[in-house]
Amino acid sequence: MFEQLSNSIKETIDRVDGYKTGTLIVERDIERVSILIDDILIPLSDSDYIQIRNDKVYETITITQALETSDSVAGWPLFAGFYCRMKRGRYNTF
């Protein structure tokens, strides 16, 4: 229960900071990376600032990393399904 509350607070802070938040979707067959927000799939581009939350740490990733990084056992896209936050325009000051 505490973890759910903690994650909810983190997501609220992300939104207040101007991020769009959702789940990272990786479609290798069509080479597309998107964020799923409220059942709406929003394609991401190389110009977007994309971060995934890996446990308690945010990691900045690129479209190429999302498409090419695989789980070592099953070979699935490693970052698919992670909590994701993004802002349009990679070169903005954050």
PDB file of N, CA and C in Angstrom:
ATOM      1  N   MET A   1       0.816  -1.187   0.000  1.00  0.00           N
ATOM      2  CA  MET A   1       0.000   0.000   0.000  1.00  0.00           C
ATOM      3  C   MET A   1       0.868   1.263   0.000  1.00  0.00           C
ATOM      4  N   PHE A   2       1.909   1.273   0.828  1.00  0.00           N
ATOM      5  CA  PHE A   2       2.807   2.425   0.880  1.00  0.00           C
ATOM      6  C   PHE A   2       3.470   2.658  -0.468  1.00  0.00           C
ATOM      7  N   GLU A   3       3.848   1.565  -1.148  1.00  0.00           N
ATOM      8  CA  GLU A   3       4.504   1.702  -2.459  1.00  0.00           C
ATOM      9  C   GLU A   3       3.565   2.326  -3.486  1.00  0.00           C
ATOM     10  N   GLN A   4       2.290   1.944  -3.470  1.00  0.00           N
ATOM     11  CA  GLN A   4       1.315   2.535  -4.392  1.00  0.00           C
ATOM     12  C   GLN A   4       1.160   4.029  -4.139  1.00  0.00           C
ATOM     13  N   LEU A   5       1.098   4.413  -2.871  1.00  0.00           N
ATOM     14  CA  LEU A   5       0.987   5.818  -2.520  1.00  0.00           C
ATOM     15  C   LEU A   5       2.239   6.581  -2.967  1.00  0.00           C
ATOM     16  N   SER A   6       3.403   5.987  -2.733  1.00  0.00           N
ATOM     17  CA  SER A   6       4.666   6.596  -3.135  1.00  0.00           C
ATOM     18  C   SER A   6       4.713   6.803  -4.651  1.00  0.00           C
ATOM     19  N   ASN A   7       4.309   5.779  -5.422  1.00  0.00           N
ATOM     20  CA  ASN A   7       4.309   5.883  -6.887  1.00  0.00           C
ATOM     21  C   ASN A   7       3.319   6.944  -7.363  1.00  0.00           C
ATOM     22  N   SER A   8       2.178   7.027  -6.705  1.00  0.00           N
ATOM     23  CA  SER A   8       1.174   8.028  -7.061  1.00  0.00           C
ATOM     24  C   SER A   8       1.710   9.435  -6.819  1.00  0.00           C
ATOM     25  N   ILE A   9       2.395   9.637  -5.709  1.00  0.00           N
ATOM     26  CA  ILE A   9       2.982  10.944  -5.406  1.00  0.00           C
ATOM     27  C   ILE A   9       4.051  11.295  -6.443  1.00  0.00           C
ATOM     28  N   LYS A  10       4.900  10.319  -6.805  1.00  0.00           N
ATOM     29  CA  LYS A  10       5.933  10.565  -7.820  1.00  0.00           C
ATOM     30  C   LYS A  10       5.305  10.968  -9.152  1.00  0.00           C
ATOM     31  N   GLU A  11       4.227  10.277  -9.536  1.00  0.00           N
ATOM     32  CA  GLU A  11       3.568  10.597 -10.800  1.00  0.00           C
ATOM     33  C   GLU A  11       2.948  11.998 -10.749  1.00  0.00           C
ATOM     34  N   THR A  12       2.364  12.350  -9.638  1.00  0.00           N
ATOM     35  CA  THR A  12       1.794  13.690  -9.485  1.00  0.00           C
ATOM     36  C   THR A  12       2.875  14.752  -9.615  1.00  0.00           C
ATOM     37  N   ILE A  13       4.010  14.530  -8.987  1.00  0.00           N
ATOM     38  CA  ILE A  13       5.133  15.472  -9.087  1.00  0.00           C
ATOM     39  C   ILE A  13       5.606  15.581 -10.534  1.00  0.00           C
ATOM     40  N   ASP A  14       5.710  14.429 -11.231  1.00  0.00           N
ATOM     41  CA  ASP A  14       6.121  14.450 -12.639  1.00  0.00           C
ATOM     42  C   ASP A  14       5.177  15.312 -13.472  1.00  0.00           C
ATOM     43  N   ARG A  15       3.877  15.167 -13.243  1.00  0.00           N
ATOM     44  CA  ARG A  15       2.895  15.935 -14.019  1.00  0.00           C
ATOM     45  C   ARG A  15       2.978  17.428 -13.687  1.00  0.00           C
ATOM     46  N   VAL A  16       3.167  17.756 -12.421  1.00  0.00           N
ATOM     47  CA  VAL A  16       3.317  19.158 -12.032  1.00  0.00           C
ATOM     48  C   VAL A  16       4.560  19.752 -12.688  1.00  0.00           C
ATOM     49  N   ASP A  17       5.603  18.936 -12.854  1.00  0.00           N
ATOM     50  CA  ASP A  17       6.846  19.379 -13.497  1.00  0.00           C
ATOM     51  C   ASP A  17       6.729  19.451 -15.022  1.00  0.00           C
ATOM     52  N   GLY A  18       5.550  19.156 -15.570  1.00  0.00           N
ATOM     53  CA  GLY A  18       5.324  19.311 -17.005  1.00  0.00           C
ATOM     54  C   GLY A  18       5.523  18.065 -17.849  1.00  0.00           C
ATOM     55  N   TYR A  19       5.728  16.920 -17.219  1.00  0.00           N
ATOM     56  CA  TYR A  19       5.886  15.673 -17.967  1.00  0.00           C
ATOM     57  C   TYR A  19       4.535  15.063 -18.297  1.00  0.00           C
ATOM     58  N   LYS A  20       4.466  14.358 -19.421  1.00  0.00           N
ATOM     59  CA  LYS A  20       3.362  13.453 -19.699  1.00  0.00           C
ATOM     60  C   LYS A  20       3.819  12.104 -19.155  1.00  0.00           C
ATOM     61  N   THR A  21       2.930  11.372 -18.495  1.00  0.00           N
ATOM     62  CA  THR A  21       3.318  10.108 -17.879  1.00  0.00           C
ATOM     63  C   THR A  21       2.434   8.977 -18.361  1.00  0.00           C
ATOM     64  N   GLY A  22       3.033   7.788 -18.438  1.00  0.00           N
ATOM     65  CA  GLY A  22       2.289   6.613 -18.853  1.00  0.00           C
ATOM     66  C   GLY A  22       3.186   5.397 -18.904  1.00  0.00           C
ATOM     67  N   THR A  23       2.831   4.462 -19.770  1.00  0.00           N
ATOM     68  CA  THR A  23       3.563   3.207 -19.931  1.00  0.00           C
ATOM     69  C   THR A  23       4.292   3.210 -21.263  1.00  0.00           C
ATOM     70  N   LEU A  24       5.559   2.814 -21.262  1.00  0.00           N
ATOM     71  CA  LEU A  24       6.343   2.769 -22.496  1.00  0.00           C
ATOM     72  C   LEU A  24       5.950   1.538 -23.312  1.00  0.00           C
ATOM     73  N   ILE A  25       5.633   1.765 -24.574  1.00  0.00           N
ATOM     74  CA  ILE A  25       5.265   0.707 -25.512  1.00  0.00           C
ATOM     75  C   ILE A  25       6.333   0.652 -26.600  1.00  0.00           C
ATOM     76  N   VAL A  26       6.900  -0.529 -26.830  1.00  0.00           N
ATOM     77  CA  VAL A  26       7.944  -0.713 -27.840  1.00  0.00           C
ATOM     78  C   VAL A  26       7.442  -1.717 -28.871  1.00  0.00           C
ATOM     79  N   GLU A  27       7.354  -1.279 -30.122  1.00  0.00           N
ATOM     80  CA  GLU A  27       6.905  -2.136 -31.222  1.00  0.00           C
ATOM     81  C   GLU A  27       8.047  -2.268 -32.221  1.00  0.00           C
ATOM     82  N   ARG A  28       8.834  -3.300 -32.051  1.00  0.00           N
ATOM     83  CA  ARG A  28      10.013  -3.489 -32.900  1.00  0.00           C
ATOM     84  C   ARG A  28       9.655  -3.759 -34.355  1.00  0.00           C
ATOM     85  N   ASP A  29       8.571  -4.498 -34.588  1.00  0.00           N
ATOM     86  CA  ASP A  29       8.227  -4.873 -35.962  1.00  0.00           C
ATOM     87  C   ASP A  29       7.977  -3.659 -36.851  1.00  0.00           C
ATOM     88  N   ILE A  30       7.494  -2.572 -36.277  1.00  0.00           N
ATOM     89  CA  ILE A  30       7.286  -1.350 -37.070  1.00  0.00           C
ATOM     90  C   ILE A  30       8.200  -0.215 -36.599  1.00  0.00           C
ATOM     91  N   GLU A  31       9.158  -0.547 -35.732  1.00  0.00           N
ATOM     92  CA  GLU A  31      10.156   0.390 -35.207  1.00  0.00           C
ATOM     93  C   GLU A  31       9.507   1.657 -34.660  1.00  0.00           C
ATOM     94  N   ARG A  32       8.563   1.437 -33.728  1.00  0.00           N
ATOM     95  CA  ARG A  32       7.874   2.567 -33.110  1.00  0.00           C
ATOM     96  C   ARG A  32       7.940   2.435 -31.596  1.00  0.00           C
ATOM     97  N   VAL A  33       8.180   3.569 -30.943  1.00  0.00           N
ATOM     98  CA  VAL A  33       8.167   3.654 -29.488  1.00  0.00           C
ATOM     99  C   VAL A  33       7.121   4.696 -29.130  1.00  0.00           C
ATOM    100  N   SER A  34       6.236   4.333 -28.205  1.00  0.00           N
ATOM    101  CA  SER A  34       5.133   5.217 -27.835  1.00  0.00           C
ATOM    102  C   SER A  34       4.956   5.217 -26.330  1.00  0.00           C
ATOM    103  N   ILE A  35       4.161   6.159 -25.875  1.00  0.00           N
ATOM    104  CA  ILE A  35       3.750   6.194 -24.478  1.00  0.00           C
ATOM    105  C   ILE A  35       2.235   6.018 -24.457  1.00  0.00           C
ATOM    106  N   LEU A  36       1.767   5.137 -23.602  1.00  0.00           N
ATOM    107  CA  LEU A  36       0.339   4.870 -23.465  1.00  0.00           C
ATOM    108  C   LEU A  36      -0.177   5.682 -22.285  1.00  0.00           C
ATOM    109  N   ILE A  37      -1.059   6.635 -22.585  1.00  0.00           N
ATOM    110  CA  ILE A  37      -1.633   7.500 -21.565  1.00  0.00           C
ATOM    111  C   ILE A  37      -3.150   7.426 -21.668  1.00  0.00           C
ATOM    112  N   ASP A  38      -3.795   6.941 -20.629  1.00  0.00           N
ATOM    113  CA  ASP A  38      -5.264   6.855 -20.601  1.00  0.00           C
ATOM    114  C   ASP A  38      -5.814   6.206 -21.870  1.00  0.00           C
ATOM    115  N   ASP A  39      -5.277   5.061 -22.247  1.00  0.00           N
ATOM    116  CA  ASP A  39      -5.702   4.285 -23.419  1.00  0.00           C
ATOM    117  C   ASP A  39      -5.441   4.984 -24.758  1.00  0.00           C
ATOM    118  N   ILE A  40      -4.606   6.015 -24.767  1.00  0.00           N
ATOM    119  CA  ILE A  40      -4.232   6.703 -26.002  1.00  0.00           C
ATOM    120  C   ILE A  40      -2.742   6.472 -26.228  1.00  0.00           C
ATOM    121  N   LEU A  41      -2.398   5.981 -27.410  1.00  0.00           N
ATOM    122  CA  LEU A  41      -1.019   5.692 -27.770  1.00  0.00           C
ATOM    123  C   LEU A  41      -0.420   6.905 -28.475  1.00  0.00           C
ATOM    124  N   ILE A  42       0.612   7.497 -27.874  1.00  0.00           N
ATOM    125  CA  ILE A  42       1.251   8.684 -28.429  1.00  0.00           C
ATOM    126  C   ILE A  42       2.662   8.316 -28.890  1.00  0.00           C
ATOM    127  N   PRO A  43       2.913   8.331 -30.216  1.00  0.00           N
ATOM    128  CA  PRO A  43       4.250   8.002 -30.723  1.00  0.00           C
ATOM    129  C   PRO A  43       5.289   9.014 -30.233  1.00  0.00           C
ATOM    130  N   LEU A  44       6.468   8.508 -29.913  1.00  0.00           N
ATOM    131  CA  LEU A  44       7.583   9.338 -29.467  1.00  0.00           C
ATOM    132  C   LEU A  44       8.589   9.472 -30.602  1.00  0.00           C
ATOM    133  N   SER A  45       9.411  10.520 -30.536  1.00  0.00           N
ATOM    134  CA  SER A  45      10.429  10.733 -31.569  1.00  0.00           C
ATOM    135  C   SER A  45      11.771  11.002 -30.914  1.00  0.00           C
ATOM    136  N   ASP A  46      12.816  11.062 -31.740  1.00  0.00           N
ATOM    137  CA  ASP A  46      14.165  11.325 -31.237  1.00  0.00           C
ATOM    138  C   ASP A  46      14.295  12.703 -30.591  1.00  0.00           C
ATOM    139  N   SER A  47      13.399  13.603 -30.907  1.00  0.00           N
ATOM    140  CA  SER A  47      13.481  14.941 -30.318  1.00  0.00           C
ATOM    141  C   SER A  47      12.844  15.018 -28.931  1.00  0.00           C
ATOM    142  N   ASP A  48      12.190  13.935 -28.492  1.00  0.00           N
ATOM    143  CA  ASP A  48      11.548  13.923 -27.175  1.00  0.00           C
ATOM    144  C   ASP A  48      12.532  13.549 -26.074  1.00  0.00           C
ATOM    145  N   TYR A  49      12.287  14.107 -24.899  1.00  0.00           N
ATOM    146  CA  TYR A  49      13.065  13.773 -23.704  1.00  0.00           C
ATOM    147  C   TYR A  49      12.301  12.653 -23.001  1.00  0.00           C
ATOM    148  N   ILE A  50      12.876  11.444 -22.989  1.00  0.00           N
ATOM    149  CA  ILE A  50      12.187  10.254 -22.502  1.00  0.00           C
ATOM    150  C   ILE A  50      12.949   9.674 -21.322  1.00  0.00           C
ATOM    151  N   GLN A  51      12.224   9.393 -20.250  1.00  0.00           N
ATOM    152  CA  GLN A  51      12.824   8.731 -19.098  1.00  0.00           C
ATOM    153  C   GLN A  51      11.903   7.604 -18.638  1.00  0.00           C
ATOM    154  N   ILE A  52      12.530   6.509 -18.212  1.00  0.00           N
ATOM    155  CA  ILE A  52      11.781   5.409 -17.608  1.00  0.00           C
ATOM    156  C   ILE A  52      12.182   5.340 -16.139  1.00  0.00           C
ATOM    157  N   ARG A  53      11.253   4.851 -15.320  1.00  0.00           N
ATOM    158  CA  ARG A  53      11.580   4.688 -13.901  1.00  0.00           C
ATOM    159  C   ARG A  53      11.951   3.232 -13.684  1.00  0.00           C
ATOM    160  N   ASN A  54      13.196   3.017 -13.313  1.00  0.00           N
ATOM    161  CA  ASN A  54      13.744   1.699 -13.047  1.00  0.00           C
ATOM    162  C   ASN A  54      13.908   1.593 -11.538  1.00  0.00           C
ATOM    163  N   ASP A  55      12.960   0.943 -10.893  1.00  0.00           N
ATOM    164  CA  ASP A  55      12.871   0.872  -9.440  1.00  0.00           C
ATOM    165  C   ASP A  55      12.637   2.281  -8.919  1.00  0.00           C
ATOM    166  N   LYS A  56      13.624   2.904  -8.313  1.00  0.00           N
ATOM    167  CA  LYS A  56      13.441   4.249  -7.763  1.00  0.00           C
ATOM    168  C   LYS A  56      14.241   5.298  -8.521  1.00  0.00           C
ATOM    169  N   VAL A  57      14.873   4.901  -9.622  1.00  0.00           N
ATOM    170  CA  VAL A  57      15.772   5.778 -10.362  1.00  0.00           C
ATOM    171  C   VAL A  57      15.209   6.033 -11.764  1.00  0.00           C
ATOM    172  N   TYR A  58      15.275   7.299 -12.202  1.00  0.00           N
ATOM    173  CA  TYR A  58      14.901   7.627 -13.579  1.00  0.00           C
ATOM    174  C   TYR A  58      16.114   7.480 -14.474  1.00  0.00           C
ATOM    175  N   GLU A  59      15.911   6.837 -15.626  1.00  0.00           N
ATOM    176  CA  GLU A  59      16.960   6.669 -16.625  1.00  0.00           C
ATOM    177  C   GLU A  59      16.504   7.310 -17.927  1.00  0.00           C
ATOM    178  N   THR A  60      17.338   8.184 -18.472  1.00  0.00           N
ATOM    179  CA  THR A  60      17.041   8.792 -19.761  1.00  0.00           C
ATOM    180  C   THR A  60      17.395   7.797 -20.850  1.00  0.00           C
ATOM    181  N   ILE A  61      16.463   7.592 -21.781  1.00  0.00           N
ATOM    182  CA  ILE A  61      16.716   6.671 -22.892  1.00  0.00           C
ATOM    183  C   ILE A  61      16.355   7.346 -24.209  1.00  0.00           C
ATOM    184  N   THR A  62      16.895   6.772 -25.278  1.00  0.00           N
ATOM    185  CA  THR A  62      16.586   7.241 -26.631  1.00  0.00           C
ATOM    186  C   THR A  62      15.668   6.221 -27.296  1.00  0.00           C
ATOM    187  N   ILE A  63      15.121   6.607 -28.420  1.00  0.00           N
ATOM    188  CA  ILE A  63      14.286   5.688 -29.202  1.00  0.00           C
ATOM    189  C   ILE A  63      15.109   4.458 -29.592  1.00  0.00           C
ATOM    190  N   THR A  64      16.335   4.671 -30.024  1.00  0.00           N
ATOM    191  CA  THR A  64      17.208   3.566 -30.422  1.00  0.00           C
ATOM    192  C   THR A  64      17.443   2.604 -29.265  1.00  0.00           C
ATOM    193  N   GLN A  65      17.714   3.134 -28.076  1.00  0.00           N
ATOM    194  CA  GLN A  65      17.911   2.266 -26.915  1.00  0.00           C
ATOM    195  C   GLN A  65      16.653   1.466 -26.612  1.00  0.00           C
ATOM    196  N   ALA A  66      15.498   2.109 -26.687  1.00  0.00           N
ATOM    197  CA  ALA A  66      14.237   1.410 -26.414  1.00  0.00           C
ATOM    198  C   ALA A  66      14.023   0.266 -27.405  1.00  0.00           C
ATOM    199  N   LEU A  67      14.371   0.494 -28.671  1.00  0.00           N
ATOM    200  CA  LEU A  67      14.170  -0.530 -29.697  1.00  0.00           C
ATOM    201  C   LEU A  67      15.217  -1.646 -29.641  1.00  0.00           C
ATOM    202  N   GLU A  68      16.452  -1.313 -29.255  1.00  0.00           N
ATOM    203  CA  GLU A  68      17.542  -2.280 -29.366  1.00  0.00           C
ATOM    204  C   GLU A  68      17.915  -2.993 -28.065  1.00  0.00           C
ATOM    205  N   THR A  69      17.529  -2.473 -26.907  1.00  0.00           N
ATOM    206  CA  THR A  69      17.907  -3.091 -25.642  1.00  0.00           C
ATOM    207  C   THR A  69      16.937  -4.220 -25.324  1.00  0.00           C
ATOM    208  N   SER A  70      17.491  -5.420 -25.129  1.00  0.00           N
ATOM    209  CA  SER A  70      16.665  -6.615 -24.936  1.00  0.00           C
ATOM    210  C   SER A  70      16.920  -7.277 -23.592  1.00  0.00           C
ATOM    211  N   ASP A  71      15.900  -7.970 -23.134  1.00  0.00           N
ATOM    212  CA  ASP A  71      16.032  -8.854 -21.976  1.00  0.00           C
ATOM    213  C   ASP A  71      16.972  -9.978 -22.383  1.00  0.00           C
ATOM    214  N   SER A  72      17.959 -10.288 -21.561  1.00  0.00           N
ATOM    215  CA  SER A  72      18.975 -11.270 -21.939  1.00  0.00           C
ATOM    216  C   SER A  72      18.436 -12.689 -22.022  1.00  0.00           C
ATOM    217  N   VAL A  73      17.345 -12.974 -21.348  1.00  0.00           N
ATOM    218  CA  VAL A  73      16.803 -14.341 -21.352  1.00  0.00           C
ATOM    219  C   VAL A  73      15.799 -14.545 -22.483  1.00  0.00           C
ATOM    220  N   ALA A  74      14.770 -13.726 -22.525  1.00  0.00           N
ATOM    221  CA  ALA A  74      13.688 -13.926 -23.496  1.00  0.00           C
ATOM    222  C   ALA A  74      13.871 -13.135 -24.789  1.00  0.00           C
ATOM    223  N   GLY A  75      14.716 -12.099 -24.751  1.00  0.00           N
ATOM    224  CA  GLY A  75      14.938 -11.301 -25.941  1.00  0.00           C
ATOM    225  C   GLY A  75      13.898 -10.218 -26.181  1.00  0.00           C
ATOM    226  N   TRP A  76      12.988 -10.025 -25.242  1.00  0.00           N
ATOM    227  CA  TRP A  76      11.960  -8.994 -25.382  1.00  0.00           C
ATOM    228  C   TRP A  76      12.576  -7.616 -25.167  1.00  0.00           C
ATOM    229  N   PRO A  77      11.928  -6.565 -25.713  1.00  0.00           N
ATOM    230  CA  PRO A  77      12.426  -5.206 -25.459  1.00  0.00           C
ATOM    231  C   PRO A  77      12.462  -4.937 -23.950  1.00  0.00           C
ATOM    232  N   LEU A  78      13.606  -4.602 -23.444  1.00  0.00           N
ATOM    233  CA  LEU A  78      13.808  -4.493 -22.001  1.00  0.00           C
ATOM    234  C   LEU A  78      12.955  -3.412 -21.347  1.00  0.00           C
ATOM    235  N   PHE A  79      12.783  -2.278 -22.002  1.00  0.00           N
ATOM    236  CA  PHE A  79      12.093  -1.161 -21.374  1.00  0.00           C
ATOM    237  C   PHE A  79      10.584  -1.156 -21.602  1.00  0.00           C
ATOM    238  N   ALA A  80      10.075  -2.058 -22.412  1.00  0.00           N
ATOM    239  CA  ALA A  80       8.636  -2.124 -22.684  1.00  0.00           C
ATOM    240  C   ALA A  80       7.869  -2.381 -21.391  1.00  0.00           C
ATOM    241  N   GLY A  81       6.836  -1.600 -21.177  1.00  0.00           N
ATOM    242  CA  GLY A  81       5.992  -1.763 -20.004  1.00  0.00           C
ATOM    243  C   GLY A  81       6.425  -0.953 -18.795  1.00  0.00           C
ATOM    244  N   PHE A  82       7.568  -0.293 -18.881  1.00  0.00           N
ATOM    245  CA  PHE A  82       8.041   0.521 -17.760  1.00  0.00           C
ATOM    246  C   PHE A  82       7.199   1.795 -17.639  1.00  0.00           C
ATOM    247  N   TYR A  83       7.134   2.333 -16.423  1.00  0.00           N
ATOM    248  CA  TYR A  83       6.577   3.665 -16.212  1.00  0.00           C
ATOM    249  C   TYR A  83       7.478   4.635 -16.976  1.00  0.00           C
ATOM    250  N   CYS A  84       6.860   5.549 -17.688  1.00  0.00           N
ATOM    251  CA  CYS A  84       7.608   6.475 -18.544  1.00  0.00           C
ATOM    252  C   CYS A  84       7.112   7.897 -18.318  1.00  0.00           C
ATOM    253  N   ARG A  85       8.049   8.827 -18.356  1.00  0.00           N
ATOM    254  CA  ARG A  85       7.685  10.235 -18.381  1.00  0.00           C
ATOM    255  C   ARG A  85       8.411  10.867 -19.555  1.00  0.00           C
ATOM    256  N   MET A  86       7.751  11.842 -20.193  1.00  0.00           N
ATOM    257  CA  MET A  86       8.362  12.454 -21.367  1.00  0.00           C
ATOM    258  C   MET A  86       7.958  13.907 -21.495  1.00  0.00           C
ATOM    259  N   LYS A  87       8.813  14.649 -22.191  1.00  0.00           N
ATOM    260  CA  LYS A  87       8.529  16.020 -22.601  1.00  0.00           C
ATOM    261  C   LYS A  87       8.918  16.131 -24.064  1.00  0.00           C
ATOM    262  N   ARG A  88       8.149  16.887 -24.801  1.00  0.00           N
ATOM    263  CA  ARG A  88       8.475  17.131 -26.205  1.00  0.00           C
ATOM    264  C   ARG A  88       9.691  18.043 -26.278  1.00  0.00           C
ATOM    265  N   GLY A  89      10.600  17.740 -27.195  1.00  0.00           N
ATOM    266  CA  GLY A  89      11.764  18.593 -27.401  1.00  0.00           C
ATOM    267  C   GLY A  89      12.908  18.244 -26.467  1.00  0.00           C
ATOM    268  N   ARG A  90      13.766  17.371 -26.905  1.00  0.00           N
ATOM    269  CA  ARG A  90      14.894  16.850 -26.120  1.00  0.00           C
ATOM    270  C   ARG A  90      15.841  17.943 -25.638  1.00  0.00           C
ATOM    271  N   TYR A  91      15.935  19.035 -26.366  1.00  0.00           N
ATOM    272  CA  TYR A  91      16.945  20.044 -26.060  1.00  0.00           C
ATOM    273  C   TYR A  91      16.432  21.147 -25.143  1.00  0.00           C
ATOM    274  N   ASN A  92      15.256  20.940 -24.569  1.00  0.00           N
ATOM    275  CA  ASN A  92      14.756  21.900 -23.587  1.00  0.00           C
ATOM    276  C   ASN A  92      15.593  21.843 -22.330  1.00  0.00           C
ATOM    277  N   THR A  93      15.562  22.892 -21.554  1.00  0.00           N
ATOM    278  CA  THR A  93      16.246  22.915 -20.271  1.00  0.00           C
ATOM    279  C   THR A  93      15.269  22.442 -19.209  1.00  0.00           C
ATOM    280  N   PHE A  94      15.686  21.473 -18.403  1.00  0.00           N
ATOM    281  CA  PHE A  94      14.786  20.912 -17.386  1.00  0.00           C
ATOM    282  C   PHE A  94      15.288  21.247 -16.016  1.00  0.00           C
TER     283      PHE A  94
END
